[in-house]
């Protein structure tokens, strides 16, 4: 079986930090989690293309 590996690392965290800085204000933890999951989901889709 050919398994796909998702690497969680600086790239997603860096993108999350960029998003957080761009908002210019503190964010609720749930908003941070949602945004992080969106970033990871996008990374997986890009990897599969």
Protein backbone atom coordinates (compact mmCIF):
# COMPACT_ATOMS: atom_id res chain seq x y z
CA UNK A 1 0.00 0.00 0.00
CA UNK A 2 1.31 3.42 -0.97
CA UNK A 3 0.85 5.74 2.01
CA UNK A 4 0.80 9.52 1.78
CA UNK A 5 2.74 11.39 4.42
CA UNK A 6 1.69 14.80 5.62
CA UNK A 7 4.49 16.81 7.15
CA UNK A 8 3.36 19.32 9.73
CA UNK A 9 6.00 21.91 10.16
CA UNK A 10 7.20 25.42 9.82
CA UNK A 11 5.49 26.09 6.52
CA UNK A 12 1.96 25.81 7.93
CA UNK A 13 2.93 27.60 11.13
CA UNK A 14 4.61 30.36 9.13
CA UNK A 15 1.47 30.81 7.05
CA UNK A 16 -0.64 30.90 10.19
CA UNK A 17 1.61 33.55 11.71
CA UNK A 18 1.43 35.60 8.51
CA UNK A 19 -2.37 35.38 8.61
CA UNK A 20 -2.43 36.36 12.28
CA UNK A 21 -0.17 39.36 11.67
CA UNK A 22 -2.30 40.43 8.70
CA UNK A 23 -5.43 40.57 10.86
CA UNK A 24 -3.75 43.14 13.09
CA UNK A 25 -5.64 42.04 16.16
CA UNK A 26 -5.83 39.17 18.65
CA UNK A 27 -7.86 36.16 17.47
CA UNK A 28 -9.96 33.63 19.30
CA UNK A 29 -8.30 30.22 19.65
CA UNK A 30 -11.08 28.58 17.61
CA UNK A 31 -10.42 31.01 14.75
CA UNK A 32 -6.72 30.13 14.90
CA UNK A 33 -7.49 26.41 14.81
CA UNK A 34 -9.90 26.82 11.88
CA UNK A 35 -7.37 28.86 9.93
CA UNK A 36 -4.59 26.37 10.65
CA UNK A 37 -6.78 23.50 9.44
CA UNK A 38 -7.61 25.43 6.27
CA UNK A 39 -3.90 26.02 5.65
CA UNK A 40 -3.12 22.33 6.17
CA UNK A 41 -6.02 21.28 3.94
CA UNK A 42 -4.80 23.57 1.18
CA UNK A 43 -1.27 22.18 1.53
CA UNK A 44 -2.58 18.63 1.14
CA UNK A 45 -4.61 19.56 -1.94
CA UNK A 46 -1.56 21.25 -3.48
CA UNK A 47 0.56 18.19 -2.71
CA UNK A 48 -1.95 15.92 -4.44
CA UNK A 49 -2.09 17.99 -7.63
